Amino acid sequence: MRHNPSFALDDPAEIRRLIRENPWATLISHTDAGLVASHYPVLLDEQSEEADEVVLVSHVGRPDEALHELGRHEVLVIIQGPHGYISPGWYDEKPAVPTWNFVTAHLYGTPEVLSDEENLRVLDRLVDHFEERMPEPRRLFGTPANAAYAARIVAGTVGFRLRVSRLTAKSKLSQNKPAETVARILGELDGDGPYASPALAAAMRRANAVDR
């Protein structure tokens, strides 16, 4: 990802927020057979002892662990936050070109393959995390039948923990634009036009310290 100091995202708390709010990740490996990409939900390992450390947990479905050669080398995990088209018509009368605002992080590390027991705990956390918003959450171990089913399906997955050894994160949200231009962009993103995006508007407000 091209480095631009104006848009660098260095705050560990903001990177964690990005992961929490956008858990659907792209996992990329450079294997002996070439590049392999898969898509899975990830969670932060909140029990990490180091304040600035980012640790992910997740799983892959078999045979992705073999395709990715999981645990044998470094992988790249891409987290994509809010993003969207920004029209030059939202700026002013001066000549301008369109752009794309976005928040994203590239996280690198070598995965640690989990035991079946720990994998099952991670799967339980994943289910709880997403079911919590439901009016009647369905738990992985909510009933004896569910527990028996979960014990069977764990054999079809491989859990992993990824301690991020290096990362590059970027928050390109019009921080280099005048306040009046930012206000016009926010008005369009909050509106009902073809490129409206409340999520992107919220991210821009945080980045530019703009109140609602």
Protein backbone atom coordinates (compact mmCIF):
# COMPACT_ATOMS: atom_id res chain seq x y z
CA MET A 1 0.00 0.00 0.00
CA ARG A 2 1.41 3.39 -1.02
CA HIS A 3 2.78 5.30 1.95
CA ASN A 4 1.34 8.76 2.52
CA PRO A 5 2.13 10.39 5.89
CA SER A 6 -0.99 12.57 5.66
CA PHE A 7 -3.23 9.50 5.79
CA ALA A 8 -1.18 7.09 7.93
CA LEU A 9 -3.20 5.34 10.61
CA ASP A 10 -0.84 4.66 13.50
CA ASP A 11 -3.11 4.65 16.56
CA PRO A 12 -3.44 1.05 17.85
CA ALA A 13 -6.84 1.88 19.37
CA GLU A 14 -8.16 3.04 15.99
CA ILE A 15 -6.74 -0.02 14.26
CA ARG A 16 -8.51 -2.23 16.80
CA ARG A 17 -11.72 -0.27 16.22
CA LEU A 18 -11.35 -0.88 12.48
CA ILE A 19 -11.03 -4.64 13.06
CA ARG A 20 -13.92 -4.81 15.54
CA GLU A 21 -16.27 -2.93 13.23
CA ASN A 22 -15.15 -4.71 10.03
CA PRO A 23 -14.42 -8.34 10.93
CA TRP A 24 -14.84 -9.82 7.43
CA ALA A 25 -11.19 -10.18 6.36
CA THR A 26 -9.20 -11.28 3.32
CA LEU A 27 -6.43 -13.80 4.06
CA ILE A 28 -3.63 -13.95 1.48
CA SER A 29 -0.72 -16.41 1.40
CA HIS A 30 2.25 -16.69 -0.95
CA THR A 31 2.59 -20.47 -1.13
CA ASP A 32 4.76 -22.89 -3.05
CA ALA A 33 1.87 -23.15 -5.54
CA GLY A 34 1.43 -19.38 -5.85
CA LEU A 35 -0.91 -16.83 -4.32
CA VAL A 36 -3.94 -18.06 -2.38
CA ALA A 37 -6.74 -15.85 -1.03
CA SER A 38 -9.67 -16.69 1.24
CA HIS A 39 -12.25 -14.72 3.21
CA TYR A 40 -13.15 -15.33 6.86
CA PRO A 41 -14.40 -13.40 9.90
CA VAL A 42 -11.76 -12.50 12.47
CA LEU A 43 -11.88 -11.39 16.09
CA LEU A 44 -9.38 -9.54 18.22
CA ASP A 45 -7.79 -11.63 20.94
CA GLU A 46 -8.69 -9.19 23.70
CA GLN A 47 -6.56 -11.09 26.23
CA SER A 48 -3.34 -9.86 24.62
CA GLU A 49 -1.08 -8.55 27.38
CA GLU A 50 0.75 -5.95 25.31
CA ALA A 51 -1.18 -2.69 24.97
CA ASP A 52 0.12 -2.00 21.45
CA GLU A 53 -0.07 -5.60 20.23
CA VAL A 54 -2.71 -6.65 17.71
CA VAL A 55 -3.64 -10.34 17.85
CA LEU A 56 -6.33 -11.97 15.70
CA VAL A 57 -8.09 -15.30 16.11
CA SER A 58 -10.18 -17.10 13.53
CA HIS A 59 -10.44 -20.35 11.61
CA VAL A 60 -10.39 -21.66 8.07
CA GLY A 61 -12.46 -24.47 6.60
CA ARG A 62 -10.60 -27.52 5.39
CA PRO A 63 -8.76 -27.81 3.01
CA ASP A 64 -7.88 -24.09 3.17
CA GLU A 65 -5.30 -24.79 5.89
CA ALA A 66 -3.41 -26.94 3.36
CA LEU A 67 -3.93 -24.50 0.46
CA HIS A 68 -2.57 -21.64 2.59
CA GLU A 69 0.20 -23.81 4.09
CA LEU A 70 -1.07 -22.39 7.36
CA GLY A 71 1.62 -21.89 9.97
CA ARG A 72 4.53 -22.34 7.57
CA HIS A 73 5.05 -18.73 6.55
CA GLU A 74 3.87 -15.16 6.88
CA VAL A 75 0.39 -14.28 5.68
CA LEU A 76 -1.32 -10.97 4.89
CA VAL A 77 -4.73 -10.16 6.39
CA ILE A 78 -6.57 -7.22 4.83
CA ILE A 79 -9.23 -5.39 6.83
CA GLN A 80 -11.41 -3.11 4.71
CA GLY A 81 -13.34 -0.38 6.51
CA PRO A 82 -15.82 2.15 5.16
CA HIS A 83 -15.03 3.37 1.66
CA GLY A 84 -16.69 5.20 -1.20
CA TYR A 85 -16.50 7.39 -4.26
CA ILE A 86 -15.92 11.13 -3.78
CA SER A 87 -17.07 13.28 -6.72
CA PRO A 88 -15.08 16.39 -7.70
CA GLY A 89 -18.47 18.11 -7.89
CA TRP A 90 -18.52 17.97 -4.09
CA TYR A 91 -15.43 20.20 -3.83
CA ASP A 92 -15.79 23.62 -5.44
CA GLU A 93 -15.67 25.26 -8.87
CA LYS A 94 -11.93 24.72 -9.32
CA PRO A 95 -10.67 21.93 -11.62
CA ALA A 96 -10.49 18.65 -9.69
CA VAL A 97 -10.53 14.92 -10.21
CA PRO A 98 -12.58 12.27 -8.38
CA THR A 99 -11.08 10.18 -5.61
CA TRP A 100 -11.96 7.32 -3.30
CA ASN A 101 -12.04 7.72 0.48
CA PHE A 102 -11.32 4.64 2.56
CA VAL A 103 -9.95 3.09 5.73
CA THR A 104 -7.96 -0.14 5.47
CA ALA A 105 -5.25 -2.10 7.25
CA HIS A 106 -2.72 -4.66 6.02
CA LEU A 107 -1.70 -6.99 8.86
CA TYR A 108 1.22 -9.42 8.59
CA GLY A 109 2.27 -12.36 10.72
CA THR A 110 2.81 -16.11 10.83
CA PRO A 111 -0.29 -17.95 12.09
CA GLU A 112 -0.18 -20.27 15.06
CA VAL A 113 -2.40 -23.30 14.39
CA LEU A 114 -4.70 -24.00 17.34
CA SER A 115 -5.57 -27.28 18.97
CA ASP A 116 -9.07 -28.65 18.35
CA GLU A 117 -10.04 -27.64 21.89
CA GLU A 118 -8.90 -24.05 21.47
CA ASN A 119 -10.37 -23.89 17.97
CA LEU A 120 -13.73 -24.85 19.42
CA ARG A 121 -13.45 -22.01 21.97
CA VAL A 122 -12.71 -19.57 19.15
CA LEU A 123 -15.69 -20.83 17.14
CA ASP A 124 -17.83 -20.38 20.25
CA ARG A 125 -16.61 -16.78 20.58
CA LEU A 126 -17.31 -16.09 16.90
CA VAL A 127 -20.87 -17.37 17.16
CA ASP A 128 -21.53 -15.42 20.36
CA HIS A 129 -20.03 -12.26 18.88
CA PHE A 130 -22.36 -12.17 15.90
CA GLU A 131 -25.44 -13.73 17.51
CA GLU A 132 -25.40 -11.22 20.37
CA ARG A 133 -27.34 -8.72 18.25
CA MET A 134 -30.12 -11.17 17.46
CA PRO A 135 -33.38 -11.02 19.43
CA GLU A 136 -32.99 -14.70 20.35
CA PRO A 137 -29.28 -15.56 20.04
CA ARG A 138 -28.42 -19.12 18.99
CA ARG A 139 -25.39 -20.31 20.94
CA LEU A 140 -22.94 -22.92 19.72
CA PHE A 141 -23.42 -24.82 23.00
CA GLY A 142 -26.95 -23.58 23.71
CA THR A 143 -28.44 -27.08 23.82
CA PRO A 144 -27.01 -30.61 24.08
CA ALA A 145 -27.90 -31.13 20.40
CA ASN A 146 -26.03 -27.96 19.44
CA ALA A 147 -23.01 -29.02 21.49
CA ALA A 148 -22.92 -32.44 19.85
CA TYR A 149 -23.18 -30.84 16.41
CA ALA A 150 -20.40 -28.35 17.22
CA ALA A 151 -18.13 -31.16 18.36
CA ARG A 152 -18.60 -32.82 14.96
CA ILE A 153 -18.07 -29.75 12.79
CA VAL A 154 -14.86 -28.69 14.52
CA ALA A 155 -13.15 -31.48 12.58
CA GLY A 156 -13.90 -29.56 9.38
CA THR A 157 -12.13 -26.38 10.52
CA VAL A 158 -8.66 -25.32 11.59
CA GLY A 159 -8.30 -22.47 14.08
CA PHE A 160 -5.41 -20.03 14.18
CA ARG A 161 -4.02 -17.14 16.18
CA LEU A 162 -2.16 -14.39 14.36
CA ARG A 163 0.16 -12.11 16.31
CA VAL A 164 0.62 -9.17 13.98
CA SER A 165 4.36 -8.61 13.55
CA ARG A 166 4.03 -5.61 11.23
CA LEU A 167 1.21 -3.60 9.74
CA THR A 168 0.36 -0.75 7.41
CA ALA A 169 -2.90 1.11 7.93
CA LYS A 170 -4.35 4.03 6.05
CA SER A 171 -7.22 6.40 6.74
CA LYS A 172 -7.78 8.56 3.63
CA LEU A 173 -10.77 10.66 4.66
CA SER A 174 -10.27 14.14 3.16
CA GLN A 175 -7.98 15.26 5.99
CA ASN A 176 -6.10 17.35 3.40
CA LYS A 177 -9.20 19.32 2.37
CA PRO A 178 -10.47 22.65 3.76
CA ALA A 179 -13.18 22.47 6.42
CA GLU A 180 -15.84 23.80 4.04
CA THR A 181 -15.02 21.09 1.49
CA VAL A 182 -15.20 18.40 4.18
CA ALA A 183 -18.61 19.78 5.19
CA ARG A 184 -19.89 19.54 1.60
CA ILE A 185 -18.61 15.96 1.24
CA LEU A 186 -20.29 15.00 4.52
CA GLY A 187 -23.55 16.52 3.31
CA GLU A 188 -23.45 14.33 0.20
CA LEU A 189 -22.50 11.18 2.10
CA ASP A 190 -25.34 11.81 4.57
CA GLY A 191 -27.82 12.46 1.77
CA ASP A 192 -29.79 10.14 -0.50
CA GLY A 193 -27.67 10.37 -3.65
CA PRO A 194 -26.08 7.43 -5.52
CA TYR A 195 -22.90 7.59 -3.43
CA ALA A 196 -24.41 8.25 -0.01
CA SER A 197 -22.63 6.35 2.77
CA PRO A 198 -23.46 7.05 6.44
CA ALA A 199 -20.65 4.71 7.57
CA LEU A 200 -18.07 6.60 5.53
CA ALA A 201 -19.46 9.91 6.81
CA ALA A 202 -19.07 8.71 10.41
CA ALA A 203 -15.46 7.69 9.76
CA MET A 204 -14.76 11.09 8.18
CA ARG A 205 -16.19 12.90 11.20
CA ARG A 206 -13.87 10.98 13.53
CA ALA A 207 -10.83 11.62 11.32
CA ASN A 208 -11.57 15.31 10.87
CA ALA A 209 -12.89 15.95 14.41
CA VAL A 210 -16.24 17.14 13.06
CA ASP A 211 -19.34 16.98 15.24
CA ARG A 212 -22.59 15.64 13.86
